[in-house]
């Protein structure tokens, strides 16, 4: 149940501002917040995406982002093949820069349009600890609503 509530919260907090059209060049700025109770982390992200809209429902593009991963507790949970338990850490923030390709499918073409999206790319992270990996290949699936800010 907690996992379903977390997924719903992420979808509701993900908001994308874009100028969508039926066909042609499209750009967007996305803002997201994703709390993770299991590892006591909060991810705050900004993404800038450019690409091509093939029709009112399908978009293909790429972009770059900036994510702050904040570890808020004094202990983090260790869940690896070699060890399990909790490790004491200082609260910290790590900066992650993802570079990605994206596929987006809008469900409707209304002023508020729900969507599903998938990003595939590489992220560059600032972690200095060998146990915490913030760089590497990633795939990210998400959903949300586009808010059409253009009048008319």
Protein backbone atom coordinates (compact mmCIF):
# COMPACT_ATOMS: atom_id res chain seq x y z
CA UNK A 1 0.00 0.00 0.00
CA UNK A 2 2.86 2.40 0.87
CA UNK A 3 4.43 1.75 -2.52
CA UNK A 4 1.17 2.60 -4.34
CA UNK A 5 0.80 5.83 -2.36
CA UNK A 6 4.42 6.75 -3.14
CA UNK A 7 3.92 6.13 -6.86
CA UNK A 8 0.72 8.20 -6.81
CA UNK A 9 2.52 11.04 -4.99
CA UNK A 10 5.34 11.02 -7.53
CA UNK A 11 2.86 11.15 -10.41
CA UNK A 12 0.95 14.00 -8.77
CA UNK A 13 4.10 15.99 -7.97
CA UNK A 14 5.55 15.57 -11.45
CA UNK A 15 4.49 18.55 -13.48
CA UNK A 16 5.56 19.35 -17.00
CA UNK A 17 5.20 22.75 -18.62
CA UNK A 18 5.34 22.59 -22.39
CA UNK A 19 4.15 24.13 -25.59
CA UNK A 20 2.65 21.10 -27.30
CA UNK A 21 1.44 21.13 -30.85
CA UNK A 22 0.20 18.60 -33.35
CA UNK A 23 3.52 18.21 -35.20
CA UNK A 24 6.98 19.77 -35.11
CA UNK A 25 9.67 21.01 -32.71
CA UNK A 26 8.75 20.94 -29.01
CA UNK A 27 10.54 21.96 -25.83
CA UNK A 28 9.64 21.41 -22.18
CA UNK A 29 10.82 22.07 -18.66
CA UNK A 30 9.92 19.44 -16.06
CA UNK A 31 10.06 19.70 -12.28
CA UNK A 32 9.74 16.68 -10.00
CA UNK A 33 9.98 15.66 -6.35
CA UNK A 34 10.29 11.99 -5.35
CA UNK A 35 10.54 11.00 -1.66
CA UNK A 36 11.98 7.56 -0.89
CA UNK A 37 11.12 6.43 2.65
CA UNK A 38 13.01 3.14 2.31
CA UNK A 39 16.40 4.82 1.93
CA UNK A 40 15.52 8.18 3.63
CA UNK A 41 16.19 10.12 0.43
CA UNK A 42 14.44 12.89 -1.43
CA UNK A 43 15.09 13.55 -5.11
CA UNK A 44 14.37 17.01 -6.53
CA UNK A 45 14.85 17.30 -10.27
CA UNK A 46 14.69 19.74 -13.17
CA UNK A 47 14.81 18.54 -16.80
CA UNK A 48 15.11 20.47 -20.04
CA UNK A 49 13.92 18.48 -23.06
CA UNK A 50 13.89 19.26 -26.80
CA UNK A 51 12.59 17.07 -29.58
CA UNK A 52 10.03 16.38 -32.26
CA UNK A 53 6.30 15.77 -31.84
CA UNK A 54 5.11 13.37 -34.56
CA UNK A 55 1.41 13.87 -33.80
CA UNK A 56 -0.73 15.04 -30.88
CA UNK A 57 0.13 11.91 -28.87
CA UNK A 58 3.77 10.89 -29.67
CA UNK A 59 6.97 12.81 -28.81
CA UNK A 60 10.63 11.72 -29.23
CA UNK A 61 13.54 13.84 -28.03
CA UNK A 62 16.47 14.26 -25.70
CA UNK A 63 17.67 16.47 -22.93
CA UNK A 64 19.72 17.22 -19.87
CA UNK A 65 18.75 17.59 -16.23
CA UNK A 66 19.89 18.42 -12.74
CA UNK A 67 18.91 16.30 -9.73
CA UNK A 68 19.68 16.83 -6.05
CA UNK A 69 19.61 13.60 -4.00
CA UNK A 70 19.27 14.53 -0.32
CA UNK A 71 19.93 11.94 2.38
CA UNK A 72 18.07 13.23 5.42
CA UNK A 73 18.59 10.62 8.15
CA UNK A 74 21.63 9.70 10.20
CA UNK A 75 21.37 6.08 9.01
CA UNK A 76 20.90 4.59 5.55
CA UNK A 77 19.75 1.07 4.86
CA UNK A 78 22.35 -1.25 3.29
CA UNK A 79 20.84 -3.89 1.02
CA UNK A 80 23.55 -5.59 -1.01
CA UNK A 81 24.69 -9.18 -1.61
CA UNK A 82 27.61 -8.68 0.80
CA UNK A 83 25.89 -6.96 3.71
CA UNK A 84 22.52 -5.97 5.09
CA UNK A 85 21.60 -3.55 7.86
CA UNK A 86 22.08 0.12 8.60
CA UNK A 87 25.13 2.33 8.31
CA UNK A 88 25.61 5.68 10.03
CA UNK A 89 26.12 8.56 7.62
CA UNK A 90 26.10 12.32 7.69
CA UNK A 91 23.08 13.97 6.05
CA UNK A 92 24.24 15.10 2.62
CA UNK A 93 23.20 16.17 -0.85
CA UNK A 94 24.61 14.75 -4.06
CA UNK A 95 24.26 16.38 -7.46
CA UNK A 96 23.37 14.19 -10.46
CA UNK A 97 23.36 15.36 -14.10
CA UNK A 98 21.42 13.03 -16.43
CA UNK A 99 21.81 13.17 -20.24
CA UNK A 100 19.03 11.22 -21.93
CA UNK A 101 16.76 10.35 -24.82
CA UNK A 102 13.04 10.41 -24.13
CA UNK A 103 9.80 8.93 -25.47
CA UNK A 104 6.49 10.46 -24.38
CA UNK A 105 2.89 9.42 -25.09
CA UNK A 106 0.09 11.86 -24.28
CA UNK A 107 -3.26 10.20 -23.53
CA UNK A 108 -5.48 13.17 -24.46
CA UNK A 109 -5.06 16.50 -26.21
CA UNK A 110 -6.74 18.81 -23.72
CA UNK A 111 -5.52 21.76 -21.62
CA UNK A 112 -4.53 19.25 -18.90
CA UNK A 113 -3.25 16.11 -20.66
CA UNK A 114 -2.06 12.99 -18.76
CA UNK A 115 1.06 11.30 -20.16
CA UNK A 116 3.42 8.34 -19.81
CA UNK A 117 7.13 8.87 -20.43
CA UNK A 118 10.34 6.84 -20.58
CA UNK A 119 13.89 8.26 -20.44
CA UNK A 120 17.02 6.26 -21.28
CA UNK A 121 20.48 7.71 -20.80
CA UNK A 122 23.58 8.17 -18.67
CA UNK A 123 23.89 10.08 -15.41
CA UNK A 124 27.00 11.74 -14.01
CA UNK A 125 27.02 11.87 -10.20
CA UNK A 126 29.01 13.59 -7.49
CA UNK A 127 29.24 10.69 -5.00
CA UNK A 128 32.68 10.23 -3.51
CA UNK A 129 31.82 7.06 -1.56
CA UNK A 130 32.55 3.76 -3.36
CA UNK A 131 29.40 2.19 -1.82
CA UNK A 132 27.08 4.84 -3.31
CA UNK A 133 26.86 4.78 -7.10
CA UNK A 134 25.36 7.88 -8.74
CA UNK A 135 26.91 7.52 -12.20
CA UNK A 136 25.87 5.04 -14.87
CA UNK A 137 23.25 4.03 -17.41
CA UNK A 138 19.62 4.52 -16.35
CA UNK A 139 16.05 3.96 -17.49
CA UNK A 140 13.33 6.07 -15.91
CA UNK A 141 9.60 5.57 -16.38
CA UNK A 142 7.15 8.24 -15.25
CA UNK A 143 3.74 9.76 -15.70
CA UNK A 144 2.11 13.09 -15.06
CA UNK A 145 0.06 15.82 -16.65
CA UNK A 146 1.00 18.41 -19.24
CA UNK A 147 -0.37 21.88 -18.53
CA UNK A 148 -0.89 23.83 -21.74
CA UNK A 149 0.08 27.41 -20.88
CA UNK A 150 -0.63 28.81 -24.34
CA UNK A 151 -3.82 30.87 -24.64
CA UNK A 152 -6.41 29.58 -27.08
